Amino acid sequence: MDLYTTKKLMFAAALAFGLLAFGRAPMAVAADAQPGNSSGAAAQERRDDEHRGDDRDRQNGDFRRTRAYHRAYDRGFKTGLDRGRDDGRNRRSEDPNNSEHFRDADSGYHSKDGPIDAYRLGYREGFQRGYAQNYHRYYRDHDRDRGDHR
């Protein structure tokens, strides 16, 4: 168990013990966390712990919570829809990697969005989903128009 998890468990146990031992309601504890109270430092420490956890998530490759990921996912999904439609209509092989947009995965990126790796992950995942959705849709429609039945 790492130090961060141990600290969280110890804090939760101490909080539970405090509530049981002193019969205080959770609302009373929340009121103590207001600025100017001695518990305000504890609330700040909890927020700092959460931020350290976010940093660790990013270092481990879990970018799915970042603004960059979500912004890129939406953009990639829309581009994937277009490319999937085109490939399906033209009966090309189903391969998102044939698209330069998918390979580069940085279309529309701005440094203010956050880490480029998070952006690329989101873009590619969104692109793949949009591509598959429209590829199959338009590939089938093309068969129907020609009278092919599969």
N, C-alpha and C. Protein backbone atom coordinates (compact mmCIF):
# COMPACT_ATOMS: atom_id res chain seq x y z
N MET A 1 0.86 -1.17 0.00
CA MET A 1 0.00 0.00 0.00
C MET A 1 0.91 1.23 0.00
N ASP A 2 0.60 2.20 -0.85
CA ASP A 2 1.45 3.38 -0.93
C ASP A 2 1.09 4.40 0.17
N LEU A 3 1.93 5.38 0.34
CA LEU A 3 1.77 6.38 1.39
C LEU A 3 0.47 7.16 1.24
N TYR A 4 0.11 7.50 0.03
CA TYR A 4 -1.10 8.28 -0.23
C TYR A 4 -2.34 7.51 0.24
N THR A 5 -2.42 6.23 -0.11
CA THR A 5 -3.56 5.41 0.28
C THR A 5 -3.60 5.24 1.80
N THR A 6 -2.44 5.03 2.39
CA THR A 6 -2.36 4.88 3.84
C THR A 6 -2.86 6.14 4.54
N LYS A 7 -2.45 7.29 4.05
CA LYS A 7 -2.90 8.56 4.65
C LYS A 7 -4.41 8.71 4.54
N LYS A 8 -4.96 8.35 3.38
CA LYS A 8 -6.40 8.46 3.19
C LYS A 8 -7.15 7.55 4.15
N LEU A 9 -6.67 6.32 4.30
CA LEU A 9 -7.33 5.38 5.21
C LEU A 9 -7.24 5.86 6.65
N MET A 10 -6.08 6.37 7.04
CA MET A 10 -5.92 6.86 8.42
C MET A 10 -6.83 8.06 8.67
N PHE A 11 -6.94 8.94 7.69
CA PHE A 11 -7.81 10.10 7.85
C PHE A 11 -9.26 9.66 7.98
N ALA A 12 -9.69 8.72 7.13
CA ALA A 12 -11.07 8.25 7.19
C ALA A 12 -11.37 7.57 8.52
N ALA A 13 -10.42 6.79 9.02
CA ALA A 13 -10.62 6.11 10.31
C ALA A 13 -10.71 7.14 11.44
N ALA A 14 -9.84 8.13 11.41
CA ALA A 14 -9.87 9.16 12.45
C ALA A 14 -11.17 9.96 12.39
N LEU A 15 -11.62 10.26 11.22
CA LEU A 15 -12.87 10.99 11.06
C LEU A 15 -14.05 10.16 11.58
N ALA A 16 -14.08 8.88 11.21
CA ALA A 16 -15.16 8.00 11.68
C ALA A 16 -15.13 7.88 13.20
N PHE A 17 -13.94 7.70 13.76
CA PHE A 17 -13.81 7.60 15.22
C PHE A 17 -14.29 8.88 15.89
N GLY A 18 -13.89 10.00 15.32
CA GLY A 18 -14.30 11.28 15.89
C GLY A 18 -15.79 11.46 15.87
N LEU A 19 -16.42 11.06 14.78
CA LEU A 19 -17.87 11.19 14.69
C LEU A 19 -18.56 10.27 15.70
N LEU A 20 -18.06 9.07 15.82
CA LEU A 20 -18.65 8.13 16.77
C LEU A 20 -18.41 8.55 18.22
N ALA A 21 -17.18 8.93 18.50
CA ALA A 21 -16.80 9.25 19.89
C ALA A 21 -17.48 10.52 20.39
N PHE A 22 -17.63 11.49 19.55
CA PHE A 22 -18.16 12.76 20.01
C PHE A 22 -19.61 13.00 19.57
N GLY A 23 -20.19 12.07 18.83
CA GLY A 23 -21.58 12.17 18.43
C GLY A 23 -21.90 13.37 17.56
N ARG A 24 -20.91 13.82 16.80
CA ARG A 24 -21.13 14.99 15.95
C ARG A 24 -21.70 14.56 14.62
N ALA A 25 -22.60 15.33 14.09
CA ALA A 25 -23.18 15.07 12.77
C ALA A 25 -22.21 15.52 11.69
N PRO A 26 -22.27 14.92 10.52
CA PRO A 26 -21.39 15.33 9.42
C PRO A 26 -21.50 16.81 9.08
N MET A 27 -22.68 17.40 9.22
CA MET A 27 -22.83 18.83 8.92
C MET A 27 -21.99 19.68 9.86
N ALA A 28 -21.86 19.25 11.10
CA ALA A 28 -21.05 20.01 12.05
C ALA A 28 -19.59 19.96 11.65
N VAL A 29 -19.14 18.82 11.15
CA VAL A 29 -17.76 18.70 10.70
C VAL A 29 -17.53 19.62 9.51
N ALA A 30 -18.49 19.65 8.58
CA ALA A 30 -18.36 20.52 7.41
C ALA A 30 -18.31 21.98 7.82
N ALA A 31 -19.07 22.35 8.82
CA ALA A 31 -19.07 23.74 9.28
C ALA A 31 -17.72 24.11 9.86
N ASP A 32 -17.05 23.16 10.50
CA ASP A 32 -15.73 23.43 11.06
C ASP A 32 -14.70 23.71 9.98
N ALA A 33 -14.94 23.25 8.77
CA ALA A 33 -13.95 23.40 7.70
C ALA A 33 -14.03 24.78 7.04
N GLN A 34 -14.82 25.67 7.56
CA GLN A 34 -14.93 27.00 6.99
C GLN A 34 -13.64 27.78 7.24
N PRO A 35 -13.29 28.73 6.34
CA PRO A 35 -12.09 29.54 6.54
C PRO A 35 -12.12 30.23 7.90
N GLY A 36 -10.96 30.27 8.50
CA GLY A 36 -10.85 30.92 9.80
C GLY A 36 -10.93 29.93 10.95
N ASN A 37 -11.42 28.74 10.71
CA ASN A 37 -11.47 27.71 11.73
C ASN A 37 -10.18 26.90 11.67
N SER A 38 -9.84 26.26 12.77
CA SER A 38 -8.61 25.49 12.82
C SER A 38 -8.66 24.29 11.87
N SER A 39 -9.85 23.82 11.54
CA SER A 39 -9.99 22.68 10.64
C SER A 39 -9.78 23.08 9.19
N GLY A 40 -9.72 24.37 8.87
CA GLY A 40 -9.50 24.84 7.51
C GLY A 40 -8.19 24.30 6.96
N ALA A 41 -7.17 24.17 7.82
CA ALA A 41 -5.89 23.63 7.38
C ALA A 41 -6.04 22.17 6.96
N ALA A 42 -6.88 21.42 7.68
CA ALA A 42 -7.10 20.01 7.33
C ALA A 42 -7.81 19.91 5.99
N ALA A 43 -8.78 20.79 5.73
CA ALA A 43 -9.49 20.79 4.45
C ALA A 43 -8.53 21.10 3.31
N GLN A 44 -7.63 22.06 3.53
CA GLN A 44 -6.64 22.41 2.51
C GLN A 44 -5.72 21.23 2.24
N GLU A 45 -5.34 20.53 3.30
CA GLU A 45 -4.46 19.37 3.13
C GLU A 45 -5.16 18.29 2.30
N ARG A 46 -6.46 18.09 2.52
CA ARG A 46 -7.21 17.11 1.72
C ARG A 46 -7.24 17.53 0.26
N ARG A 47 -7.44 18.82 0.00
CA ARG A 47 -7.44 19.29 -1.39
C ARG A 47 -6.06 19.09 -2.02
N ASP A 48 -5.01 19.37 -1.26
CA ASP A 48 -3.65 19.17 -1.77
C ASP A 48 -3.40 17.70 -2.10
N ASP A 49 -3.91 16.80 -1.23
CA ASP A 49 -3.77 15.37 -1.49
C ASP A 49 -4.48 14.98 -2.79
N GLU A 50 -5.65 15.55 -3.02
CA GLU A 50 -6.39 15.25 -4.25
C GLU A 50 -5.60 15.70 -5.47
N HIS A 51 -4.97 16.88 -5.39
CA HIS A 51 -4.18 17.37 -6.53
C HIS A 51 -2.97 16.47 -6.77
N ARG A 52 -2.34 16.01 -5.70
CA ARG A 52 -1.21 15.10 -5.88
C ARG A 52 -1.69 13.81 -6.54
N GLY A 53 -2.89 13.37 -6.20
CA GLY A 53 -3.46 12.18 -6.83
C GLY A 53 -3.68 12.40 -8.31
N ASP A 54 -4.15 13.61 -8.69
CA ASP A 54 -4.35 13.92 -10.11
C ASP A 54 -3.03 13.87 -10.86
N ASP A 55 -1.97 14.42 -10.25
CA ASP A 55 -0.66 14.38 -10.89
C ASP A 55 -0.20 12.94 -11.09
N ARG A 56 -0.42 12.11 -10.10
CA ARG A 56 -0.01 10.71 -10.20
C ARG A 56 -0.80 10.00 -11.31
N ASP A 57 -2.11 10.31 -11.42
CA ASP A 57 -2.93 9.72 -12.48
C ASP A 57 -2.35 10.07 -13.84
N ARG A 58 -1.97 11.31 -14.02
CA ARG A 58 -1.42 11.75 -15.31
C ARG A 58 -0.10 11.05 -15.58
N GLN A 59 0.73 10.91 -14.54
CA GLN A 59 2.02 10.26 -14.73
C GLN A 59 1.83 8.80 -15.10
N ASN A 60 0.78 8.18 -14.65
CA ASN A 60 0.50 6.78 -14.97
C ASN A 60 -0.23 6.63 -16.29
N GLY A 61 -0.49 7.70 -17.00
CA GLY A 61 -1.14 7.62 -18.29
C GLY A 61 -2.65 7.72 -18.23
N ASP A 62 -3.22 8.00 -17.08
CA ASP A 62 -4.68 8.12 -16.98
C ASP A 62 -5.07 9.57 -17.23
N PHE A 63 -5.19 9.92 -18.49
CA PHE A 63 -5.47 11.30 -18.88
C PHE A 63 -6.96 11.55 -19.09
N ARG A 64 -7.77 10.54 -18.88
CA ARG A 64 -9.19 10.65 -19.24
C ARG A 64 -9.96 11.68 -18.42
N ARG A 65 -9.38 12.21 -17.40
CA ARG A 65 -10.06 13.22 -16.57
C ARG A 65 -9.69 14.65 -16.95
N THR A 66 -8.78 14.81 -17.89
CA THR A 66 -8.28 16.14 -18.20
C THR A 66 -9.15 16.84 -19.24
N ARG A 67 -9.07 18.15 -19.24
CA ARG A 67 -9.78 18.97 -20.23
C ARG A 67 -9.29 18.64 -21.64
N ALA A 68 -7.98 18.42 -21.75
CA ALA A 68 -7.41 18.11 -23.06
C ALA A 68 -8.02 16.85 -23.64
N TYR A 69 -8.18 15.83 -22.82
CA TYR A 69 -8.74 14.56 -23.29
C TYR A 69 -10.17 14.77 -23.80
N HIS A 70 -11.00 15.42 -23.02
CA HIS A 70 -12.41 15.57 -23.38
C HIS A 70 -12.59 16.46 -24.61
N ARG A 71 -11.82 17.51 -24.69
CA ARG A 71 -11.90 18.40 -25.86
C ARG A 71 -11.47 17.65 -27.11
N ALA A 72 -10.39 16.88 -26.99
CA ALA A 72 -9.86 16.14 -28.13
C ALA A 72 -10.79 14.99 -28.53
N TYR A 73 -11.40 14.34 -27.56
CA TYR A 73 -12.31 13.23 -27.86
C TYR A 73 -13.44 13.73 -28.76
N ASP A 74 -14.02 14.86 -28.38
CA ASP A 74 -15.12 15.42 -29.18
C ASP A 74 -14.66 15.75 -30.60
N ARG A 75 -13.51 16.39 -30.69
CA ARG A 75 -12.99 16.77 -32.00
C ARG A 75 -12.65 15.54 -32.84
N GLY A 76 -12.01 14.55 -32.22
CA GLY A 76 -11.66 13.33 -32.92
C GLY A 76 -12.89 12.56 -33.36
N PHE A 77 -13.92 12.54 -32.52
CA PHE A 77 -15.15 11.84 -32.86
C PHE A 77 -15.77 12.44 -34.12
N LYS A 78 -15.85 13.75 -34.18
CA LYS A 78 -16.43 14.42 -35.35
C LYS A 78 -15.62 14.15 -36.61
N THR A 79 -14.31 14.21 -36.50
CA THR A 79 -13.46 13.94 -37.66
C THR A 79 -13.58 12.47 -38.06
N GLY A 80 -13.63 11.59 -37.06
CA GLY A 80 -13.79 10.16 -37.34
C GLY A 80 -15.09 9.86 -38.06
N LEU A 81 -16.16 10.56 -37.69
CA LEU A 81 -17.43 10.38 -38.40
C LEU A 81 -17.26 10.68 -39.89
N ASP A 82 -16.59 11.79 -40.19
CA ASP A 82 -16.38 12.18 -41.59
C ASP A 82 -15.54 11.16 -42.34
N ARG A 83 -14.42 10.75 -41.74
CA ARG A 83 -13.52 9.81 -42.41
C ARG A 83 -14.16 8.43 -42.55
N GLY A 84 -14.90 8.00 -41.55
CA GLY A 84 -15.58 6.71 -41.62
C GLY A 84 -16.65 6.71 -42.71
N ARG A 85 -17.37 7.82 -42.81
CA ARG A 85 -18.39 7.95 -43.87
C ARG A 85 -17.73 7.85 -45.24
N ASP A 86 -16.65 8.60 -45.42
CA ASP A 86 -15.96 8.60 -46.72
C ASP A 86 -15.43 7.21 -47.07
N ASP A 87 -14.77 6.55 -46.12
CA ASP A 87 -14.22 5.22 -46.39
C ASP A 87 -15.33 4.19 -46.64
N GLY A 88 -16.41 4.29 -45.89
CA GLY A 88 -17.53 3.37 -46.08
C GLY A 88 -18.19 3.55 -47.43
N ARG A 89 -18.43 4.78 -47.80
CA ARG A 89 -19.06 5.06 -49.10
C ARG A 89 -18.19 4.60 -50.26
N ASN A 90 -16.88 4.79 -50.10
CA ASN A 90 -15.95 4.46 -51.18
C ASN A 90 -15.44 3.02 -51.10
N ARG A 91 -16.00 2.26 -50.16
CA ARG A 91 -15.68 0.84 -50.00
C ARG A 91 -14.20 0.59 -49.77
N ARG A 92 -13.55 1.51 -49.10
CA ARG A 92 -12.15 1.32 -48.72
C ARG A 92 -12.09 0.37 -47.52
N SER A 93 -10.93 -0.18 -47.27
CA SER A 93 -10.79 -1.07 -46.11
C SER A 93 -10.98 -0.25 -44.83
N GLU A 94 -11.49 -0.92 -43.81
CA GLU A 94 -11.76 -0.25 -42.53
C GLU A 94 -10.46 -0.16 -41.75
N ASP A 95 -9.85 1.01 -41.78
CA ASP A 95 -8.59 1.20 -41.07
C ASP A 95 -8.41 2.68 -40.72
N PRO A 96 -8.75 3.07 -39.49
CA PRO A 96 -8.60 4.48 -39.11
C PRO A 96 -7.16 4.98 -39.23
N ASN A 97 -6.20 4.05 -39.16
CA ASN A 97 -4.80 4.43 -39.23
C ASN A 97 -4.41 4.95 -40.62
N ASN A 98 -5.28 4.76 -41.60
CA ASN A 98 -5.02 5.32 -42.94
C ASN A 98 -5.18 6.83 -42.96
N SER A 99 -5.79 7.38 -41.93
CA SER A 99 -6.02 8.82 -41.87
C SER A 99 -4.87 9.53 -41.15
N GLU A 100 -4.37 10.55 -41.79
CA GLU A 100 -3.31 11.37 -41.19
C GLU A 100 -3.80 12.01 -39.89
N HIS A 101 -5.08 12.36 -39.85
CA HIS A 101 -5.65 12.96 -38.64
C HIS A 101 -5.53 12.01 -37.45
N PHE A 102 -5.80 10.74 -37.69
CA PHE A 102 -5.71 9.74 -36.62
C PHE A 102 -4.26 9.55 -36.19
N ARG A 103 -3.36 9.44 -37.16
CA ARG A 103 -1.94 9.19 -36.83
C ARG A 103 -1.34 10.35 -36.05
N ASP A 104 -1.58 11.58 -36.48
CA ASP A 104 -1.01 12.74 -35.80
C ASP A 104 -1.74 13.03 -34.50
N ALA A 105 -3.05 12.98 -34.52
CA ALA A 105 -3.93 13.16 -33.35
C ALA A 105 -3.68 14.47 -32.61
N ASP A 106 -3.30 15.52 -33.34
CA ASP A 106 -3.09 16.80 -32.67
C ASP A 106 -3.86 17.94 -33.33
N SER A 107 -4.79 17.60 -34.19
CA SER A 107 -5.59 18.61 -34.87
C SER A 107 -6.39 19.42 -33.85
N GLY A 108 -6.20 20.73 -33.85
CA GLY A 108 -6.92 21.61 -32.94
C GLY A 108 -6.31 21.76 -31.57
N TYR A 109 -5.16 21.15 -31.33
CA TYR A 109 -4.53 21.22 -30.00
C TYR A 109 -4.00 22.63 -29.71
N HIS A 110 -4.23 23.08 -28.49
CA HIS A 110 -3.65 24.32 -27.98
C HIS A 110 -3.01 24.01 -26.64
N SER A 111 -1.86 24.58 -26.38
CA SER A 111 -1.13 24.27 -25.15
C SER A 111 -1.96 24.56 -23.90
N LYS A 112 -2.91 25.49 -23.99
CA LYS A 112 -3.74 25.80 -22.81
C LYS A 112 -4.67 24.63 -22.45
N ASP A 113 -4.86 23.69 -23.39
CA ASP A 113 -5.73 22.53 -23.12
C ASP A 113 -5.13 21.58 -22.10
N GLY A 114 -3.82 21.53 -22.02
CA GLY A 114 -3.18 20.59 -21.10
C GLY A 114 -2.17 19.74 -21.84
N PRO A 115 -1.84 18.59 -21.26
CA PRO A 115 -0.79 17.74 -21.82
C PRO A 115 -1.14 17.22 -23.22
N ILE A 116 -0.19 17.28 -24.12
CA ILE A 116 -0.40 16.81 -25.49
C ILE A 116 -0.71 15.31 -25.51
N ASP A 117 -0.12 14.55 -24.60
CA ASP A 117 -0.38 13.11 -24.57
C ASP A 117 -1.84 12.82 -24.24
N ALA A 118 -2.41 13.62 -23.35
CA ALA A 118 -3.83 13.46 -23.00
C ALA A 118 -4.69 13.81 -24.21
N TYR A 119 -4.31 14.86 -24.92
CA TYR A 119 -5.05 15.28 -26.10
C TYR A 119 -5.02 14.18 -27.16
N ARG A 120 -3.83 13.64 -27.42
CA ARG A 120 -3.71 12.61 -28.45
C ARG A 120 -4.51 11.35 -28.10
N LEU A 121 -4.49 10.96 -26.84
CA LEU A 121 -5.26 9.80 -26.41
C LEU A 121 -6.74 10.03 -26.65
N GLY A 122 -7.24 11.18 -26.22
CA GLY A 122 -8.65 11.50 -26.41
C GLY A 122 -9.03 11.58 -27.87
N TYR A 123 -8.17 12.21 -28.67
CA TYR A 123 -8.46 12.37 -30.10
C TYR A 123 -8.58 11.01 -30.77
N ARG A 124 -7.61 10.13 -30.50
CA ARG A 124 -7.62 8.82 -31.15
C ARG A 124 -8.81 7.97 -30.70
N GLU A 125 -9.13 8.02 -29.42
CA GLU A 125 -10.27 7.22 -28.95
C GLU A 125 -11.58 7.74 -29.53
N GLY A 126 -11.74 9.05 -29.59
CA GLY A 126 -12.93 9.63 -30.20
C GLY A 126 -12.99 9.34 -31.69
N PHE A 127 -11.87 9.47 -32.36
CA PHE A 127 -11.80 9.21 -33.80
C PHE A 127 -12.22 7.78 -34.11
N GLN A 128 -11.66 6.82 -33.36
CA GLN A 128 -11.97 5.41 -33.60
C GLN A 128 -13.46 5.14 -33.44
N ARG A 129 -14.05 5.72 -32.43
CA ARG A 129 -15.47 5.48 -32.18
C ARG A 129 -16.33 6.07 -33.31
N GLY A 130 -16.05 7.32 -33.67
CA GLY A 130 -16.80 7.96 -34.75
C GLY A 130 -16.58 7.27 -36.08
N TYR A 131 -15.35 6.88 -36.35
CA TYR A 131 -15.00 6.21 -37.60
C TYR A 131 -15.79 4.91 -37.74
N ALA A 132 -15.73 4.07 -36.70
CA ALA A 132 -16.42 2.77 -36.74
C ALA A 132 -17.92 2.96 -36.92
N GLN A 133 -18.47 3.92 -36.22
CA GLN A 133 -19.92 4.16 -36.30
C GLN A 133 -20.35 4.46 -37.72
N ASN A 134 -19.69 5.39 -38.37
CA ASN A 134 -20.11 5.78 -39.72
C ASN A 134 -19.61 4.83 -40.80
N TYR A 135 -18.46 4.19 -40.60
CA TYR A 135 -17.96 3.26 -41.61
C TYR A 135 -18.99 2.16 -41.83
N HIS A 136 -19.42 1.55 -40.75
CA HIS A 136 -20.37 0.44 -40.86
C HIS A 136 -21.73 0.92 -41.38
N ARG A 137 -22.12 2.08 -40.98
CA ARG A 137 -23.41 2.62 -41.42
C ARG A 137 -23.41 2.86 -42.93
N TYR A 138 -22.38 3.52 -43.43
CA TYR A 138 -22.36 3.86 -44.85
C TYR A 138 -21.94 2.69 -45.72
N TYR A 139 -21.16 1.78 -45.18
CA TYR A 139 -20.79 0.58 -45.94
C TYR A 139 -22.04 -0.26 -46.19
N ARG A 140 -22.88 -0.42 -45.16
CA ARG A 140 -24.14 -1.16 -45.30
C ARG A 140 -25.09 -0.44 -46.25
N ASP A 141 -25.21 0.89 -46.09
CA ASP A 141 -26.10 1.66 -46.96
C ASP A 141 -25.69 1.49 -48.43
N HIS A 142 -24.40 1.44 -48.68
CA HIS A 142 -23.91 1.27 -50.04
C HIS A 142 -24.36 -0.09 -50.58
N ASP A 143 -24.30 -1.14 -49.76
CA ASP A 143 -24.76 -2.48 -50.17
C ASP A 143 -26.25 -2.47 -50.48
N ARG A 144 -27.02 -1.80 -49.63
CA ARG A 144 -28.47 -1.73 -49.82
C ARG A 144 -28.81 -1.02 -51.12
N ASP A 145 -28.10 0.06 -51.41
CA ASP A 145 -28.36 0.82 -52.63
C ASP A 145 -28.10 -0.02 -53.89
N ARG A 146 -27.12 -0.90 -53.81
CA ARG A 146 -26.78 -1.74 -54.96
C ARG A 146 -27.63 -3.00 -55.00
N GLY A 147 -28.40 -3.27 -53.95
CA GLY A 147 -29.22 -4.47 -53.90
C GLY A 147 -28.49 -5.67 -53.33
N ASP A 148 -27.27 -5.47 -52.78
CA ASP A 148 -26.54 -6.56 -52.14
C ASP A 148 -27.15 -6.83 -50.78
N HIS A 149 -27.18 -8.07 -50.39
CA HIS A 149 -27.69 -8.42 -49.06
C HIS A 149 -26.65 -9.26 -48.34
N ARG A 150 -26.29 -8.81 -47.17
CA ARG A 150 -25.29 -9.54 -46.39
C ARG A 150 -25.87 -9.94 -45.08
